[in-house]
Amino acid sequence: MPLSRTVPSLARAAAGLSLIAAPLLISVSPAHAVPMPAAVDAGPCFNVETPPGYTCLPAPKQCIAAPCPQYALVPVTEPAAV
């Protein structure tokens, strides 16, 4: 194929490729719109109100009936003085 026919063919191919790729780029969401991972707010102690002097610890259980909390409220103990 002579050079005079190759350049216009390549130009047409490049123009056609941009027409195909442009809608695909628009459909992709921007990186800043990606939601936070679910692990940030997941877990059995999320949204558990603990009384003063207690802490929430995950405590997985196998339950038959609901409700079945997957956490335990444990009293906070002061570390022993050394």
C-alpha atoms as a PDB file:
ATOM      1  CA  MET A   1       0.000   0.000   0.000  1.00  0.00           C
ATOM      2  CA  PRO A   2       1.539   3.332  -0.970  1.00  0.00           C
ATOM      3  CA  LEU A   3       2.137   5.978   1.647  1.00  0.00           C
ATOM      4  CA  SER A   4      -0.449   8.307   0.108  1.00  0.00           C
ATOM      5  CA  ARG A   5      -3.258   5.817   0.889  1.00  0.00           C
ATOM      6  CA  THR A   6      -1.967   4.771   4.332  1.00  0.00           C
ATOM      7  CA  VAL A   7      -2.144   8.197   5.997  1.00  0.00           C
ATOM      8  CA  PRO A   8      -5.832   8.861   5.193  1.00  0.00           C
ATOM      9  CA  SER A   9      -6.725   5.310   6.259  1.00  0.00           C
ATOM     10  CA  LEU A  10      -4.990   5.803   9.590  1.00  0.00           C
ATOM     11  CA  ALA A  11      -6.708   9.172  10.068  1.00  0.00           C
ATOM     12  CA  ARG A  12     -10.125   7.612   9.456  1.00  0.00           C
ATOM     13  CA  ALA A  13      -9.345   4.782  11.874  1.00  0.00           C
ATOM     14  CA  ALA A  14      -8.232   7.230  14.575  1.00  0.00           C
ATOM     15  CA  ALA A  15     -11.398   9.314  14.121  1.00  0.00           C
ATOM     16  CA  GLY A  16     -13.581   6.211  14.321  1.00  0.00           C
ATOM     17  CA  LEU A  17     -11.790   4.986  17.437  1.00  0.00           C
ATOM     18  CA  SER A  18     -12.377   8.286  19.209  1.00  0.00           C
ATOM     19  CA  LEU A  19     -16.106   8.080  18.393  1.00  0.00           C
ATOM     20  CA  ILE A  20     -16.231   4.611  19.964  1.00  0.00           C
ATOM     21  CA  ALA A  21     -14.136   5.447  23.033  1.00  0.00           C
ATOM     22  CA  ALA A  22     -15.787   8.779  23.962  1.00  0.00           C
ATOM     23  CA  PRO A  23     -19.102   7.311  25.230  1.00  0.00           C
ATOM     24  CA  LEU A  24     -17.190   4.715  27.233  1.00  0.00           C
ATOM     25  CA  LEU A  25     -15.183   7.407  29.008  1.00  0.00           C
ATOM     26  CA  ILE A  26     -18.316   9.355  29.908  1.00  0.00           C
ATOM     27  CA  SER A  27     -19.961   6.283  31.466  1.00  0.00           C
ATOM     28  CA  VAL A  28     -17.051   5.706  33.866  1.00  0.00           C
ATOM     29  CA  SER A  29     -17.571   7.425  37.223  1.00  0.00           C
ATOM     30  CA  PRO A  30     -14.837   9.760  38.466  1.00  0.00           C
ATOM     31  CA  ALA A  31     -12.423   8.486  41.088  1.00  0.00           C
ATOM     32  CA  HIS A  32     -13.582  10.997  43.703  1.00  0.00           C
ATOM     33  CA  ALA A  33     -17.145   9.629  43.521  1.00  0.00           C
ATOM     34  CA  VAL A  34     -16.181   6.132  44.655  1.00  0.00           C
ATOM     35  CA  PRO A  35     -18.059   5.302  47.887  1.00  0.00           C
ATOM     36  CA  MET A  36     -16.165   4.465  51.041  1.00  0.00           C
ATOM     37  CA  PRO A  37     -15.623   0.764  51.658  1.00  0.00           C
ATOM     38  CA  ALA A  38     -18.280  -0.932  53.747  1.00  0.00           C
ATOM     39  CA  ALA A  39     -15.665  -1.997  56.314  1.00  0.00           C
ATOM     40  CA  VAL A  40     -15.437   1.585  57.611  1.00  0.00           C
ATOM     41  CA  ASP A  41     -18.881   1.457  59.234  1.00  0.00           C
ATOM     42  CA  ALA A  42     -19.349  -2.311  59.439  1.00  0.00           C
ATOM     43  CA  GLY A  43     -18.940  -4.453  62.473  1.00  0.00           C
ATOM     44  CA  PRO A  44     -21.020  -5.651  65.366  1.00  0.00           C
ATOM     45  CA  CYS A  45     -20.119  -2.675  67.597  1.00  0.00           C
ATOM     46  CA  PHE A  46     -21.114  -0.009  65.077  1.00  0.00           C
ATOM     47  CA  ASN A  47     -23.871   2.208  66.535  1.00  0.00           C
ATOM     48  CA  VAL A  48     -23.898   0.385  69.900  1.00  0.00           C
ATOM     49  CA  GLU A  49     -24.313   2.740  72.838  1.00  0.00           C
ATOM     50  CA  THR A  50     -22.149   1.627  75.725  1.00  0.00           C
ATOM     51  CA  PRO A  51     -22.823   2.701  79.299  1.00  0.00           C
ATOM     52  CA  PRO A  52     -20.031   4.431  81.233  1.00  0.00           C
ATOM     53  CA  GLY A  53     -17.366   1.971  82.366  1.00  0.00           C
ATOM     54  CA  TYR A  54     -18.113  -0.549  79.592  1.00  0.00           C
ATOM     55  CA  THR A  55     -16.724  -1.224  76.151  1.00  0.00           C
ATOM     56  CA  CYS A  56     -18.145  -3.099  73.182  1.00  0.00           C
ATOM     57  CA  LEU A  57     -16.268  -6.145  71.913  1.00  0.00           C
ATOM     58  CA  PRO A  58     -17.217  -8.325  68.932  1.00  0.00           C
ATOM     59  CA  ALA A  59     -18.571 -11.684  70.137  1.00  0.00           C
ATOM     60  CA  PRO A  60     -19.817 -13.792  67.212  1.00  0.00           C
ATOM     61  CA  LYS A  61     -22.580 -16.269  68.079  1.00  0.00           C
ATOM     62  CA  GLN A  62     -24.723 -18.769  66.214  1.00  0.00           C
ATOM     63  CA  CYS A  63     -28.364 -18.020  66.982  1.00  0.00           C
ATOM     64  CA  ILE A  64     -31.640 -19.642  66.084  1.00  0.00           C
ATOM     65  CA  ALA A  65     -33.984 -16.784  66.996  1.00  0.00           C
ATOM     66  CA  ALA A  66     -33.652 -13.037  66.467  1.00  0.00           C
ATOM     67  CA  PRO A  67     -32.477 -10.672  67.860  1.00  0.00           C
ATOM     68  CA  CYS A  68     -29.016 -12.087  68.170  1.00  0.00           C
ATOM     69  CA  PRO A  69     -26.438  -9.406  69.029  1.00  0.00           C
ATOM     70  CA  GLN A  70     -22.972 -10.209  67.781  1.00  0.00           C
ATOM     71  CA  TYR A  71     -21.252  -8.130  70.469  1.00  0.00           C
ATOM     72  CA  ALA A  72     -20.670  -8.160  74.210  1.00  0.00           C
ATOM     73  CA  LEU A  73     -20.539  -5.244  76.640  1.00  0.00           C
ATOM     74  CA  VAL A  74     -17.516  -5.800  78.860  1.00  0.00           C
ATOM     75  CA  PRO A  75     -16.595  -3.763  81.952  1.00  0.00           C
ATOM     76  CA  VAL A  76     -13.453  -1.710  81.518  1.00  0.00           C
ATOM     77  CA  THR A  77     -10.815  -2.541  84.103  1.00  0.00           C
ATOM     78  CA  GLU A  78      -7.920  -0.313  85.052  1.00  0.00           C
ATOM     79  CA  PRO A  79      -4.460  -1.754  84.398  1.00  0.00           C
ATOM     80  CA  ALA A  80      -2.640  -2.902  87.514  1.00  0.00           C
ATOM     81  CA  ALA A  81      -0.041  -0.499  88.869  1.00  0.00           C
ATOM     82  CA  VAL A  82       3.490  -1.832  88.482  1.00  0.00           C
END
